[in-house]
Amino acid sequence: MDVPRLLEAAALLVPEEIATENDLTVNDVWEHLTHDEWEVAFALLEEVGDGHPLPLSFWQTLATAAEQMRLERSAAWCHWRCYEIRHGIIRADLTLKPAHDARRQTPFSGAGVLRPMWNIGPRTPTGKPDLYVAGLWVEFAPFMEPGGRATVRLAPLSPSDWQHLRPGQAITMHEDRTVAGTAVVLDIQRPSAPAAS
C-alpha cells in the first residue's frame, strides 16, 4: 500500500469530533492529504493519536507509513505505541546520576534504543534485588545525558512482572549492577488491547 492510502486508512480510524490541543481535527489531516502534504498529515495524525486513545490498527498503519516515508524516529514511536496498547503504559520521572558519579559518560538515544535493567522491588532467593529489563523512551527529547532528568516511558520485557507498580513508587535503573538513575513512577495505564493482538 502506498503512503497516501496508508495515511487515509489511519485518518479513517480517527473520530471526527476529537481534536488536538491546537484544535486541529481529522478534517485538517484530509486537507493536507488533498495537497499531497504527507509529512504534515502524518505529523497531525501522530499528534491526534498521542492525545486520544485510538485502536491498535491506527498505530500499525501509521508505523507502516512512517517506514515508507523513512521517518525512523516516528516509525519507532508508532511501534512503541503499539506495544503500549498491548501491554500498558508506564511513565516515570527519571534522574540519571552525573557522569562523575556513574559509569555512563555519554548521552543515550531517547528513542527506545536503551533497554536497561530496573529494580522494581522483588528480591532474589538470596535477598539481592531482582532486576527486570525494560526499554526506555524519553519524552520530548532526542537523547538523555548523564545527570539529566526527564519524563520517560518504560516497555517491560515481561510486563506481568511489573503489575505491582504504583504511582509514587521509586525504582532504580541499572546498566550493570550499580545504580545508574532513580525514577519515580508517575502514571500507569493498563492495556487497552489484548496482548496477543
N, C-alpha and C. Protein backbone atom coordinates (compact mmCIF):
# COMPACT_ATOMS: atom_id res chain seq x y z
N MET A 1 0.85 -1.18 0.00
CA MET A 1 0.00 0.00 0.00
C MET A 1 0.89 1.24 0.00
N ASP A 2 0.51 2.24 -0.78
CA ASP A 2 1.33 3.46 -0.85
C ASP A 2 1.02 4.40 0.32
N VAL A 3 1.90 5.38 0.51
CA VAL A 3 1.82 6.29 1.66
C VAL A 3 0.48 7.02 1.74
N PRO A 4 -0.02 7.63 0.65
CA PRO A 4 -1.30 8.34 0.79
C PRO A 4 -2.43 7.41 1.25
N ARG A 5 -2.47 6.20 0.73
CA ARG A 5 -3.53 5.26 1.13
C ARG A 5 -3.39 4.86 2.60
N LEU A 6 -2.15 4.69 3.07
CA LEU A 6 -1.92 4.37 4.48
C LEU A 6 -2.38 5.52 5.38
N LEU A 7 -2.05 6.74 4.99
CA LEU A 7 -2.46 7.89 5.78
C LEU A 7 -3.98 8.05 5.76
N GLU A 8 -4.59 7.79 4.62
CA GLU A 8 -6.06 7.84 4.53
C GLU A 8 -6.68 6.77 5.43
N ALA A 9 -6.11 5.57 5.41
CA ALA A 9 -6.62 4.48 6.26
C ALA A 9 -6.52 4.83 7.73
N ALA A 10 -5.40 5.44 8.13
CA ALA A 10 -5.24 5.87 9.52
C ALA A 10 -6.24 6.97 9.86
N ALA A 11 -6.42 7.93 8.95
CA ALA A 11 -7.36 9.04 9.19
C ALA A 11 -8.79 8.54 9.37
N LEU A 12 -9.14 7.48 8.66
CA LEU A 12 -10.50 6.93 8.78
C LEU A 12 -10.76 6.32 10.16
N LEU A 13 -9.70 6.04 10.91
CA LEU A 13 -9.83 5.46 12.26
C LEU A 13 -9.95 6.53 13.34
N VAL A 14 -9.85 7.80 12.94
CA VAL A 14 -9.93 8.91 13.91
C VAL A 14 -11.34 9.47 13.91
N PRO A 15 -12.02 9.46 15.06
CA PRO A 15 -13.35 10.07 15.13
C PRO A 15 -13.30 11.56 14.80
N GLU A 16 -14.27 12.03 14.06
CA GLU A 16 -14.29 13.43 13.62
C GLU A 16 -14.33 14.43 14.77
N GLU A 17 -14.91 14.04 15.90
CA GLU A 17 -15.11 15.01 16.99
C GLU A 17 -13.86 15.26 17.83
N ILE A 18 -12.81 14.43 17.70
CA ILE A 18 -11.64 14.67 18.55
C ILE A 18 -10.70 15.67 17.89
N ALA A 19 -10.00 16.42 18.75
CA ALA A 19 -9.11 17.48 18.27
C ALA A 19 -7.84 17.49 19.11
N THR A 20 -6.79 18.07 18.55
CA THR A 20 -5.53 18.25 19.28
C THR A 20 -5.68 19.43 20.23
N GLU A 21 -4.63 19.70 21.00
CA GLU A 21 -4.63 20.87 21.88
C GLU A 21 -4.77 22.17 21.09
N ASN A 22 -4.36 22.15 19.83
CA ASN A 22 -4.45 23.34 18.97
C ASN A 22 -5.73 23.35 18.14
N ASP A 23 -6.70 22.52 18.52
CA ASP A 23 -7.99 22.42 17.83
C ASP A 23 -7.87 21.93 16.38
N LEU A 24 -6.86 21.14 16.10
CA LEU A 24 -6.75 20.52 14.79
C LEU A 24 -7.50 19.19 14.82
N THR A 25 -8.20 18.89 13.75
CA THR A 25 -9.01 17.68 13.69
C THR A 25 -8.61 16.84 12.48
N VAL A 26 -9.28 15.73 12.32
CA VAL A 26 -9.01 14.86 11.17
C VAL A 26 -9.35 15.58 9.86
N ASN A 27 -10.24 16.57 9.91
CA ASN A 27 -10.53 17.36 8.70
C ASN A 27 -9.28 18.11 8.22
N ASP A 28 -8.45 18.56 9.16
CA ASP A 28 -7.19 19.20 8.79
C ASP A 28 -6.24 18.19 8.13
N VAL A 29 -6.27 16.96 8.62
CA VAL A 29 -5.45 15.91 8.01
C VAL A 29 -5.88 15.72 6.55
N TRP A 30 -7.21 15.61 6.33
CA TRP A 30 -7.71 15.42 4.96
C TRP A 30 -7.30 16.58 4.05
N GLU A 31 -7.31 17.79 4.59
CA GLU A 31 -6.92 18.96 3.80
C GLU A 31 -5.47 18.83 3.33
N HIS A 32 -4.59 18.40 4.23
CA HIS A 32 -3.18 18.24 3.86
C HIS A 32 -3.00 17.07 2.89
N LEU A 33 -3.79 16.03 3.05
CA LEU A 33 -3.68 14.89 2.13
C LEU A 33 -4.09 15.28 0.71
N THR A 34 -5.10 16.14 0.58
CA THR A 34 -5.53 16.55 -0.77
C THR A 34 -4.46 17.38 -1.47
N HIS A 35 -3.55 17.98 -0.70
CA HIS A 35 -2.46 18.77 -1.28
C HIS A 35 -1.13 18.00 -1.30
N ASP A 36 -1.21 16.68 -1.10
CA ASP A 36 -0.02 15.81 -1.09
C ASP A 36 1.02 16.23 -0.06
N GLU A 37 0.57 16.79 1.04
CA GLU A 37 1.46 17.19 2.14
C GLU A 37 1.48 16.03 3.15
N TRP A 38 2.17 14.96 2.77
CA TRP A 38 2.12 13.72 3.53
C TRP A 38 2.76 13.84 4.91
N GLU A 39 3.91 14.50 4.98
CA GLU A 39 4.58 14.59 6.28
C GLU A 39 3.78 15.44 7.26
N VAL A 40 3.14 16.49 6.78
CA VAL A 40 2.30 17.31 7.65
C VAL A 40 1.10 16.49 8.11
N ALA A 41 0.47 15.78 7.19
CA ALA A 41 -0.68 14.93 7.54
C ALA A 41 -0.26 13.87 8.55
N PHE A 42 0.90 13.27 8.32
CA PHE A 42 1.41 12.26 9.25
C PHE A 42 1.60 12.86 10.64
N ALA A 43 2.25 14.03 10.71
CA ALA A 43 2.50 14.67 12.00
C ALA A 43 1.20 14.99 12.74
N LEU A 44 0.18 15.43 12.00
CA LEU A 44 -1.12 15.72 12.63
C LEU A 44 -1.77 14.44 13.16
N LEU A 45 -1.69 13.37 12.37
CA LEU A 45 -2.24 12.08 12.83
C LEU A 45 -1.53 11.61 14.10
N GLU A 46 -0.23 11.74 14.11
CA GLU A 46 0.56 11.35 15.28
C GLU A 46 0.14 12.17 16.50
N GLU A 47 -0.05 13.48 16.30
CA GLU A 47 -0.45 14.36 17.40
C GLU A 47 -1.85 14.01 17.92
N VAL A 48 -2.77 13.74 17.00
CA VAL A 48 -4.12 13.34 17.41
C VAL A 48 -4.06 12.03 18.19
N GLY A 49 -3.26 11.08 17.70
CA GLY A 49 -3.14 9.79 18.37
C GLY A 49 -2.53 9.88 19.74
N ASP A 50 -1.59 10.80 19.92
CA ASP A 50 -0.95 10.96 21.23
C ASP A 50 -1.90 11.57 22.26
N GLY A 51 -2.90 12.30 21.79
CA GLY A 51 -3.82 12.96 22.71
C GLY A 51 -5.09 12.18 23.02
N HIS A 52 -5.34 11.13 22.25
CA HIS A 52 -6.60 10.38 22.40
C HIS A 52 -6.34 8.90 22.19
N PRO A 53 -7.04 8.05 22.92
CA PRO A 53 -6.87 6.61 22.70
C PRO A 53 -7.46 6.20 21.34
N LEU A 54 -6.61 5.63 20.51
CA LEU A 54 -7.03 5.15 19.20
C LEU A 54 -6.67 3.67 19.09
N PRO A 55 -7.31 2.95 18.18
CA PRO A 55 -7.08 1.49 18.11
C PRO A 55 -5.67 1.12 17.65
N LEU A 56 -5.30 -0.09 17.96
CA LEU A 56 -4.00 -0.64 17.58
C LEU A 56 -3.77 -0.50 16.08
N SER A 57 -4.80 -0.74 15.29
CA SER A 57 -4.65 -0.67 13.83
C SER A 57 -4.25 0.73 13.36
N PHE A 58 -4.65 1.77 14.09
CA PHE A 58 -4.24 3.14 13.75
C PHE A 58 -2.72 3.25 13.81
N TRP A 59 -2.14 2.80 14.94
CA TRP A 59 -0.69 2.92 15.12
C TRP A 59 0.07 1.98 14.19
N GLN A 60 -0.49 0.81 13.92
CA GLN A 60 0.17 -0.11 12.99
C GLN A 60 0.23 0.51 11.59
N THR A 61 -0.88 1.10 11.16
CA THR A 61 -0.93 1.73 9.84
C THR A 61 0.02 2.92 9.78
N LEU A 62 0.03 3.72 10.84
CA LEU A 62 0.92 4.88 10.89
C LEU A 62 2.40 4.44 10.89
N ALA A 63 2.71 3.34 11.58
CA ALA A 63 4.08 2.82 11.59
C ALA A 63 4.52 2.43 10.18
N THR A 64 3.64 1.77 9.44
CA THR A 64 3.97 1.37 8.06
C THR A 64 4.19 2.60 7.19
N ALA A 65 3.34 3.61 7.36
CA ALA A 65 3.51 4.86 6.58
C ALA A 65 4.84 5.52 6.93
N ALA A 66 5.18 5.58 8.21
CA ALA A 66 6.44 6.19 8.64
C ALA A 66 7.63 5.45 8.05
N GLU A 67 7.56 4.13 8.04
CA GLU A 67 8.65 3.33 7.46
C GLU A 67 8.80 3.63 5.97
N GLN A 68 7.68 3.73 5.27
CA GLN A 68 7.74 4.01 3.83
C GLN A 68 8.25 5.43 3.55
N MET A 69 7.99 6.37 4.47
CA MET A 69 8.49 7.73 4.31
C MET A 69 9.90 7.89 4.87
N ARG A 70 10.45 6.81 5.42
CA ARG A 70 11.79 6.80 6.02
C ARG A 70 11.90 7.76 7.21
N LEU A 71 10.83 7.83 7.99
CA LEU A 71 10.82 8.63 9.21
C LEU A 71 11.12 7.68 10.37
N GLU A 72 12.41 7.41 10.59
CA GLU A 72 12.82 6.36 11.52
C GLU A 72 12.32 6.58 12.95
N ARG A 73 12.51 7.79 13.49
CA ARG A 73 12.08 8.04 14.87
C ARG A 73 10.56 7.92 15.00
N SER A 74 9.84 8.44 14.01
CA SER A 74 8.37 8.34 14.04
C SER A 74 7.92 6.90 13.92
N ALA A 75 8.59 6.11 13.08
CA ALA A 75 8.24 4.69 12.97
C ALA A 75 8.48 3.99 14.30
N ALA A 76 9.60 4.30 14.94
CA ALA A 76 9.89 3.70 16.25
C ALA A 76 8.83 4.09 17.28
N TRP A 77 8.40 5.37 17.25
CA TRP A 77 7.37 5.84 18.18
C TRP A 77 6.05 5.11 17.94
N CYS A 78 5.67 4.93 16.69
CA CYS A 78 4.42 4.23 16.38
C CYS A 78 4.47 2.78 16.85
N HIS A 79 5.61 2.12 16.66
CA HIS A 79 5.76 0.74 17.16
C HIS A 79 5.70 0.72 18.69
N TRP A 80 6.30 1.75 19.31
CA TRP A 80 6.26 1.86 20.77
C TRP A 80 4.81 1.97 21.25
N ARG A 81 4.03 2.81 20.57
CA ARG A 81 2.62 2.98 20.93
C ARG A 81 1.83 1.68 20.75
N CYS A 82 2.17 0.90 19.72
CA CYS A 82 1.54 -0.41 19.54
C CYS A 82 1.82 -1.29 20.74
N TYR A 83 3.07 -1.28 21.21
CA TYR A 83 3.45 -2.06 22.39
C TYR A 83 2.63 -1.61 23.60
N GLU A 84 2.50 -0.29 23.78
CA GLU A 84 1.76 0.22 24.94
C GLU A 84 0.29 -0.15 24.89
N ILE A 85 -0.30 -0.17 23.72
CA ILE A 85 -1.70 -0.56 23.62
C ILE A 85 -1.86 -2.02 24.05
N ARG A 86 -0.91 -2.85 23.67
CA ARG A 86 -0.97 -4.28 24.03
C ARG A 86 -0.64 -4.54 25.49
N HIS A 87 0.33 -3.78 26.06
CA HIS A 87 0.87 -4.12 27.37
C HIS A 87 0.69 -3.06 28.44
N GLY A 88 0.22 -1.88 28.09
CA GLY A 88 0.03 -0.82 29.07
C GLY A 88 1.14 0.22 29.01
N ILE A 89 0.89 1.32 29.72
CA ILE A 89 1.81 2.46 29.72
C ILE A 89 2.36 2.64 31.14
N ILE A 90 3.68 2.77 31.22
CA ILE A 90 4.33 3.13 32.48
C ILE A 90 5.15 4.37 32.21
N ARG A 91 4.82 5.47 32.90
CA ARG A 91 5.57 6.72 32.78
C ARG A 91 6.23 7.01 34.12
N ALA A 92 7.45 7.54 34.05
CA ALA A 92 8.19 7.83 35.28
C ALA A 92 9.05 9.07 35.09
N ASP A 93 9.39 9.70 36.20
CA ASP A 93 10.30 10.84 36.23
C ASP A 93 11.67 10.28 36.58
N LEU A 94 12.59 10.25 35.60
CA LEU A 94 13.91 9.63 35.76
C LEU A 94 14.99 10.70 35.93
N THR A 95 15.84 10.50 36.93
CA THR A 95 17.03 11.33 37.12
C THR A 95 18.24 10.42 37.04
N LEU A 96 19.13 10.69 36.07
CA LEU A 96 20.35 9.90 35.94
C LEU A 96 21.44 10.44 36.85
N LYS A 97 22.33 9.56 37.28
CA LYS A 97 23.49 10.01 38.05
C LYS A 97 24.40 10.83 37.14
N PRO A 98 25.08 11.84 37.68
CA PRO A 98 26.01 12.62 36.86
C PRO A 98 27.21 11.77 36.43
N ALA A 99 27.85 12.19 35.35
CA ALA A 99 28.97 11.43 34.77
C ALA A 99 30.08 11.15 35.80
N HIS A 100 30.37 12.11 36.68
CA HIS A 100 31.45 11.91 37.66
C HIS A 100 31.09 10.89 38.73
N ASP A 101 29.81 10.49 38.79
CA ASP A 101 29.34 9.58 39.83
C ASP A 101 28.76 8.29 39.26
N ALA A 102 28.94 8.07 37.95
CA ALA A 102 28.32 6.89 37.32
C ALA A 102 29.23 6.32 36.24
N ARG A 103 28.90 5.13 35.81
CA ARG A 103 29.68 4.50 34.73
C ARG A 103 29.38 5.14 33.38
N ARG A 104 28.12 5.56 33.18
CA ARG A 104 27.77 6.18 31.89
C ARG A 104 28.40 7.56 31.80
N GLN A 105 29.11 7.77 30.68
CA GLN A 105 29.79 9.03 30.46
C GLN A 105 29.22 9.79 29.26
N THR A 106 28.35 9.14 28.50
CA THR A 106 27.84 9.74 27.26
C THR A 106 26.31 9.72 27.25
N PRO A 107 25.69 10.60 26.47
CA PRO A 107 24.23 10.58 26.33
C PRO A 107 23.78 9.30 25.61
N PHE A 108 22.51 8.95 25.78
CA PHE A 108 21.95 7.83 25.02
C PHE A 108 20.70 8.30 24.28
N SER A 109 20.35 7.60 23.23
CA SER A 109 19.18 7.94 22.42
C SER A 109 17.92 7.83 23.26
N GLY A 110 17.02 8.77 23.07
CA GLY A 110 15.75 8.74 23.79
C GLY A 110 14.68 7.96 23.06
N ALA A 111 15.01 7.38 21.91
CA ALA A 111 14.01 6.74 21.04
C ALA A 111 13.84 5.25 21.27
N GLY A 112 13.90 4.82 22.52
CA GLY A 112 13.59 3.42 22.83
C GLY A 112 14.69 2.43 22.53
N VAL A 113 15.91 2.91 22.29
CA VAL A 113 17.02 2.02 21.95
C VAL A 113 17.60 1.35 23.21
N LEU A 114 17.74 2.11 24.28
CA LEU A 114 18.32 1.59 25.52
C LEU A 114 17.33 0.68 26.23
N ARG A 115 17.81 -0.47 26.70
CA ARG A 115 16.99 -1.42 27.44
C ARG A 115 17.69 -1.79 28.75
N PRO A 116 17.68 -0.85 29.70
CA PRO A 116 18.37 -1.11 30.97
C PRO A 116 17.59 -2.06 31.87
N MET A 117 18.24 -2.43 32.95
CA MET A 117 17.60 -3.24 33.99
C MET A 117 17.03 -2.29 35.05
N TRP A 118 16.00 -2.78 35.75
CA TRP A 118 15.33 -1.95 36.75
C TRP A 118 15.10 -2.75 38.03
N ASN A 119 15.35 -2.10 39.16
CA ASN A 119 14.99 -2.68 40.46
C ASN A 119 13.60 -2.15 40.77
N ILE A 120 12.61 -3.03 40.65
CA ILE A 120 11.21 -2.62 40.87
C ILE A 120 10.64 -3.22 42.15
N GLY A 121 11.53 -3.75 43.01
CA GLY A 121 11.09 -4.21 44.32
C GLY A 121 11.39 -5.65 44.67
N PRO A 122 11.03 -6.63 43.82
CA PRO A 122 11.25 -8.03 44.20
C PRO A 122 12.73 -8.36 44.45
N ARG A 123 12.94 -9.39 45.27
CA ARG A 123 14.29 -9.83 45.62
C ARG A 123 14.51 -11.27 45.15
N THR A 124 15.77 -11.61 44.93
CA THR A 124 16.15 -12.98 44.57
C THR A 124 16.07 -13.84 45.84
N PRO A 125 16.14 -15.16 45.72
CA PRO A 125 16.14 -16.02 46.92
C PRO A 125 17.28 -15.71 47.88
N THR A 126 18.37 -15.13 47.40
CA THR A 126 19.49 -14.77 48.29
C THR A 126 19.33 -13.40 48.91
N GLY A 127 18.24 -12.69 48.58
CA GLY A 127 17.97 -11.38 49.18
C GLY A 127 18.46 -10.20 48.39
N LYS A 128 19.11 -10.44 47.25
CA LYS A 128 19.58 -9.33 46.42
C LYS A 128 18.43 -8.82 45.55
N PRO A 129 18.51 -7.54 45.12
CA PRO A 129 17.46 -7.04 44.23
C PRO A 129 17.39 -7.85 42.94
N ASP A 130 16.19 -8.21 42.55
CA ASP A 130 15.96 -8.89 41.28
C ASP A 130 15.76 -7.79 40.23
N LEU A 131 16.52 -7.82 39.16
CA LEU A 131 16.46 -6.76 38.16
C LEU A 131 15.66 -7.23 36.94
N TYR A 132 14.85 -6.31 36.39
CA TYR A 132 13.97 -6.62 35.27
C TYR A 132 14.26 -5.65 34.12
N VAL A 133 14.29 -6.16 32.90
CA VAL A 133 14.62 -5.35 31.73
C VAL A 133 13.38 -4.62 31.22
N ALA A 134 13.58 -3.35 30.85
CA ALA A 134 12.53 -2.57 30.20
C ALA A 134 13.18 -1.55 29.27
N GLY A 135 12.63 -1.44 28.07
CA GLY A 135 13.07 -0.40 27.16
C GLY A 135 12.69 0.96 27.73
N LEU A 136 13.37 2.00 27.26
CA LEU A 136 13.19 3.34 27.81
C LEU A 136 13.03 4.34 26.67
N TRP A 137 11.92 5.07 26.69
CA TRP A 137 11.67 6.15 25.71
C TRP A 137 11.64 7.46 26.47
N VAL A 138 12.46 8.42 26.07
CA VAL A 138 12.50 9.73 26.71
C VAL A 138 11.48 10.62 26.01
N GLU A 139 10.52 11.15 26.77
CA GLU A 139 9.51 12.02 26.18
C GLU A 139 10.10 13.39 25.83
N PHE A 140 9.76 13.87 24.65
CA PHE A 140 10.08 15.24 24.22
C PHE A 140 11.58 15.55 24.17
N ALA A 141 12.43 14.54 24.00
CA ALA A 141 13.88 14.80 23.89
C ALA A 141 14.51 13.71 23.03
N PRO A 142 15.44 14.08 22.16
CA PRO A 142 16.07 13.08 21.31
C PRO A 142 17.09 12.21 22.03
N PHE A 143 17.61 12.69 23.18
CA PHE A 143 18.58 11.91 23.94
C PHE A 143 18.54 12.35 25.40
N MET A 144 19.24 11.58 26.25
CA MET A 144 19.32 11.92 27.67
C MET A 144 20.78 11.84 28.09
N GLU A 145 21.25 12.87 28.79
CA GLU A 145 22.65 12.96 29.21
C GLU A 145 22.82 12.52 30.65
N PRO A 146 24.04 12.07 31.02
CA PRO A 146 24.31 11.79 32.43
C PRO A 146 23.96 13.02 33.28
N GLY A 147 23.32 12.79 34.41
CA GLY A 147 22.91 13.88 35.28
C GLY A 147 21.59 14.51 34.87
N GLY A 148 21.04 14.07 33.73
CA GLY A 148 19.80 14.65 33.22
C GLY A 148 18.57 14.13 33.94
N ARG A 149 17.49 14.87 33.73
CA ARG A 149 16.20 14.48 34.30
C ARG A 149 15.14 14.63 33.22
N ALA A 150 14.26 13.61 33.11
CA ALA A 150 13.22 13.65 32.09
C ALA A 150 12.08 12.70 32.43
N THR A 151 10.95 12.96 31.81
CA THR A 151 9.85 12.01 31.89
C THR A 151 10.11 10.93 30.84
N VAL A 152 10.03 9.68 31.28
CA VAL A 152 10.31 8.56 30.39
C VAL A 152 9.13 7.60 30.39
N ARG A 153 9.09 6.76 29.36
CA ARG A 153 8.11 5.69 29.26
C ARG A 153 8.89 4.38 29.26
N LEU A 154 8.37 3.38 29.94
CA LEU A 154 9.05 2.10 30.05
C LEU A 154 8.26 1.01 29.34
N ALA A 155 8.98 0.14 28.65
CA ALA A 155 8.37 -1.00 27.96
C ALA A 155 9.02 -2.27 28.52
N PRO A 156 8.41 -2.87 29.55
CA PRO A 156 8.99 -4.05 30.18
C PRO A 156 9.07 -5.25 29.24
N LEU A 157 10.17 -6.00 29.36
CA LEU A 157 10.34 -7.23 28.60
C LEU A 157 9.30 -8.26 29.06
N SER A 158 9.00 -8.27 30.36
CA SER A 158 7.99 -9.18 30.92
C SER A 158 6.97 -8.34 31.69
N PRO A 159 5.96 -7.80 30.98
CA PRO A 159 5.00 -6.87 31.60
C PRO A 159 4.31 -7.42 32.85
N SER A 160 4.07 -8.72 32.92
CA SER A 160 3.37 -9.27 34.09
C SER A 160 4.17 -9.09 35.38
N ASP A 161 5.50 -9.00 35.28
CA ASP A 161 6.32 -8.81 36.48
C ASP A 161 6.24 -7.39 37.03
N TRP A 162 5.64 -6.48 36.27
CA TRP A 162 5.57 -5.07 36.66
C TRP A 162 4.18 -4.68 37.16
N GLN A 163 3.28 -5.62 37.28
CA GLN A 163 1.89 -5.33 37.65
C GLN A 163 1.74 -4.67 39.02
N HIS A 164 2.69 -4.88 39.91
CA HIS A 164 2.58 -4.35 41.28
C HIS A 164 2.96 -2.87 41.39
N LEU A 165 3.54 -2.30 40.35
CA LEU A 165 3.96 -0.89 40.44
C LEU A 165 2.78 0.04 40.66
N ARG A 166 3.03 1.12 41.41
CA ARG A 166 2.00 2.12 41.69
C ARG A 166 2.60 3.51 41.52
N PRO A 167 1.79 4.51 41.15
CA PRO A 167 2.29 5.89 41.09
C PRO A 167 2.89 6.30 42.43
N GLY A 168 4.02 7.01 42.35
CA GLY A 168 4.72 7.45 43.56
C GLY A 168 5.82 6.50 43.99
N GLN A 169 5.83 5.29 43.45
CA GLN A 169 6.84 4.30 43.83
C GLN A 169 8.19 4.65 43.20
N ALA A 170 9.26 4.54 43.99
CA ALA A 170 10.62 4.78 43.48
C ALA A 170 11.21 3.47 42.97
N ILE A 171 11.84 3.54 41.79
CA ILE A 171 12.53 2.39 41.20
C ILE A 171 13.90 2.87 40.75
N THR A 172 14.85 1.95 40.59
CA THR A 172 16.18 2.36 40.16
C THR A 172 16.55 1.71 38.83
N MET A 173 17.30 2.46 38.03
CA MET A 173 17.77 2.00 36.73
C MET A 173 19.21 1.53 36.86
N HIS A 174 19.51 0.41 36.18
CA HIS A 174 20.85 -0.17 36.21
C HIS A 174 21.27 -0.52 34.78
N GLU A 175 22.50 -0.15 34.43
CA GLU A 175 23.09 -0.63 33.18
C GLU A 175 24.08 -1.74 33.49
N ASP A 176 24.40 -1.90 34.76
CA ASP A 176 25.15 -3.03 35.30
C ASP A 176 24.61 -3.17 36.73
N ARG A 177 25.34 -3.74 37.64
CA ARG A 177 24.81 -3.92 39.00
C ARG A 177 24.76 -2.61 39.80
N THR A 178 25.41 -1.56 39.32
CA THR A 178 25.38 -0.29 40.04
C THR A 178 24.17 0.53 39.59
N VAL A 179 23.72 1.44 40.44
CA VAL A 179 22.57 2.29 40.13
C VAL A 179 23.00 3.38 39.16
N ALA A 180 22.28 3.47 38.03
CA ALA A 180 22.56 4.49 37.02
C ALA A 180 21.63 5.69 37.15
N GLY A 181 20.47 5.46 37.78
CA GLY A 181 19.50 6.53 37.94
C GLY A 181 18.35 6.10 38.82
N THR A 182 17.58 7.07 39.25
CA THR A 182 16.41 6.81 40.10
C THR A 182 15.19 7.41 39.43
N ALA A 183 14.09 6.66 39.47
CA ALA A 183 12.85 7.13 38.84
C ALA A 183 11.71 7.02 39.84
N VAL A 184 10.75 7.91 39.70
CA VAL A 184 9.51 7.85 40.47
C VAL A 184 8.39 7.61 39.46
N VAL A 185 7.61 6.56 39.70
CA VAL A 185 6.51 6.22 38.79
C VAL A 185 5.47 7.33 38.84
N LEU A 186 5.11 7.86 37.67
CA LEU A 186 4.12 8.94 37.57
C LEU A 186 2.73 8.43 37.24
N ASP A 187 2.68 7.46 36.34
CA ASP A 187 1.38 7.05 35.78
C ASP A 187 1.48 5.62 35.28
N ILE A 188 0.42 4.88 35.50
CA ILE A 188 0.33 3.51 34.98
C ILE A 188 -1.05 3.37 34.35
N GLN A 189 -1.08 2.93 33.10
CA GLN A 189 -2.34 2.66 32.42
C GLN A 189 -2.32 1.22 31.94
N ARG A 190 -3.36 0.51 32.26
CA ARG A 190 -3.45 -0.91 31.86
C ARG A 190 -3.67 -1.00 30.36
N PRO A 191 -3.37 -2.18 29.78
CA PRO A 191 -3.52 -2.36 28.32
C PRO A 191 -4.92 -2.06 27.84
N SER A 192 -4.99 -1.51 26.62
CA SER A 192 -6.31 -1.24 26.02
C SER A 192 -6.62 -2.20 24.90
N ALA A 193 -5.70 -3.17 24.66
CA ALA A 193 -5.94 -4.21 23.65
C ALA A 193 -5.37 -5.51 24.19
N PRO A 194 -5.91 -6.66 23.76
CA PRO A 194 -5.35 -7.93 24.21
C PRO A 194 -3.88 -8.06 23.80
N ALA A 195 -3.07 -8.63 24.67
CA ALA A 195 -1.62 -8.76 24.42
C ALA A 195 -1.33 -9.61 23.19
N ALA A 196 -2.21 -10.49 22.82
CA ALA A 196 -1.97 -11.38 21.69
C ALA A 196 -2.22 -10.72 20.35
N SER A 197 -2.77 -9.50 20.33
CA SER A 197 -3.11 -8.82 19.06
C SER A 197 -1.88 -8.54 18.24
